[in-house]
């Protein structure tokens, strides 16, 4: 019996493949030995990561303690 598999592809993934198949493979298929995809660093990605990590550091604190230290200091430490 033949089994059909569904593959989901985005427009940006198709565009990546058309520009450079190797780049598509590295960005969308390849995973390192830890099972994680690699990401090329760019300013937007870096800013998003730092903001996300700053907000996560607040989430683990009790409400009363969240604003005892400066958010800017937390952001700069990330």
Protein backbone atom coordinates (compact mmCIF):
# COMPACT_ATOMS: atom_id res chain seq x y z
CA UNK A 1 0.00 0.00 0.00
CA UNK A 2 1.27 3.48 -0.91
CA UNK A 3 1.23 6.11 1.81
CA UNK A 4 1.00 9.78 0.89
CA UNK A 5 2.99 12.28 2.95
CA UNK A 6 2.01 15.93 3.23
CA UNK A 7 4.76 18.52 3.09
CA UNK A 8 4.17 22.14 4.15
CA UNK A 9 6.27 24.74 2.37
CA UNK A 10 6.06 28.51 2.75
CA UNK A 11 6.57 31.11 0.04
CA UNK A 12 9.76 32.25 1.71
CA UNK A 13 11.10 28.66 1.73
CA UNK A 14 10.40 28.32 -1.99
CA UNK A 15 12.12 31.67 -2.58
CA UNK A 16 15.14 30.47 -0.58
CA UNK A 17 15.33 27.34 -2.70
CA UNK A 18 15.09 29.26 -5.97
CA UNK A 19 17.86 31.66 -4.88
CA UNK A 20 20.18 28.92 -3.63
CA UNK A 21 19.28 25.26 -2.95
CA UNK A 22 22.20 24.91 -0.51
CA UNK A 23 21.02 27.94 1.48
CA UNK A 24 17.50 26.46 1.57
CA UNK A 25 18.89 23.18 2.92
CA UNK A 26 20.92 24.91 5.65
CA UNK A 27 18.08 27.22 6.73
CA UNK A 28 15.12 24.82 6.50
CA UNK A 29 16.27 21.21 6.59
CA UNK A 30 19.69 20.79 8.25
CA UNK A 31 19.83 20.25 12.01
CA UNK A 32 23.02 20.10 14.07
CA UNK A 33 23.99 17.23 16.35
CA UNK A 34 21.73 18.67 19.08
CA UNK A 35 18.74 18.48 16.76
CA UNK A 36 18.46 22.26 16.36
CA UNK A 37 18.28 24.25 13.15
CA UNK A 38 21.02 26.76 12.52
CA UNK A 39 20.14 30.43 12.05
CA UNK A 40 22.11 33.15 10.34
CA UNK A 41 22.48 36.10 12.64
CA UNK A 42 21.10 39.44 11.54
CA UNK A 43 20.27 42.59 13.52
CA UNK A 44 16.52 41.93 13.58
CA UNK A 45 16.93 38.34 14.82
CA UNK A 46 19.42 39.44 17.48
CA UNK A 47 17.18 42.22 18.77
CA UNK A 48 14.20 39.84 18.90
CA UNK A 49 16.21 37.28 20.86
CA UNK A 50 17.46 39.82 23.39
CA UNK A 51 14.00 41.32 23.94
CA UNK A 52 12.53 37.82 24.32
CA UNK A 53 15.20 36.78 26.84
CA UNK A 54 14.71 40.00 28.81
CA UNK A 55 10.96 39.40 29.06
CA UNK A 56 11.51 35.75 30.01
CA UNK A 57 13.80 36.85 32.84
CA UNK A 58 10.91 38.95 34.19
CA UNK A 59 8.41 36.11 33.95
CA UNK A 60 10.28 33.99 36.51
CA UNK A 61 10.20 36.77 39.13
CA UNK A 62 7.36 37.45 41.53
CA UNK A 63 5.20 40.45 40.57
CA UNK A 64 6.49 42.47 43.52
CA UNK A 65 10.14 41.95 42.45
CA UNK A 66 9.86 42.54 38.69
CA UNK A 67 10.59 46.23 38.67
CA UNK A 68 13.07 46.42 41.54
CA UNK A 69 15.91 46.48 39.01
CA UNK A 70 16.19 48.44 35.79
CA UNK A 71 14.86 46.83 32.60
CA UNK A 72 17.58 48.62 30.66
CA UNK A 73 20.25 46.92 32.79
CA UNK A 74 18.64 43.52 32.19
CA UNK A 75 18.48 44.26 28.45
CA UNK A 76 22.15 45.29 28.32
CA UNK A 77 23.24 42.18 30.26
CA UNK A 78 21.61 39.95 27.61
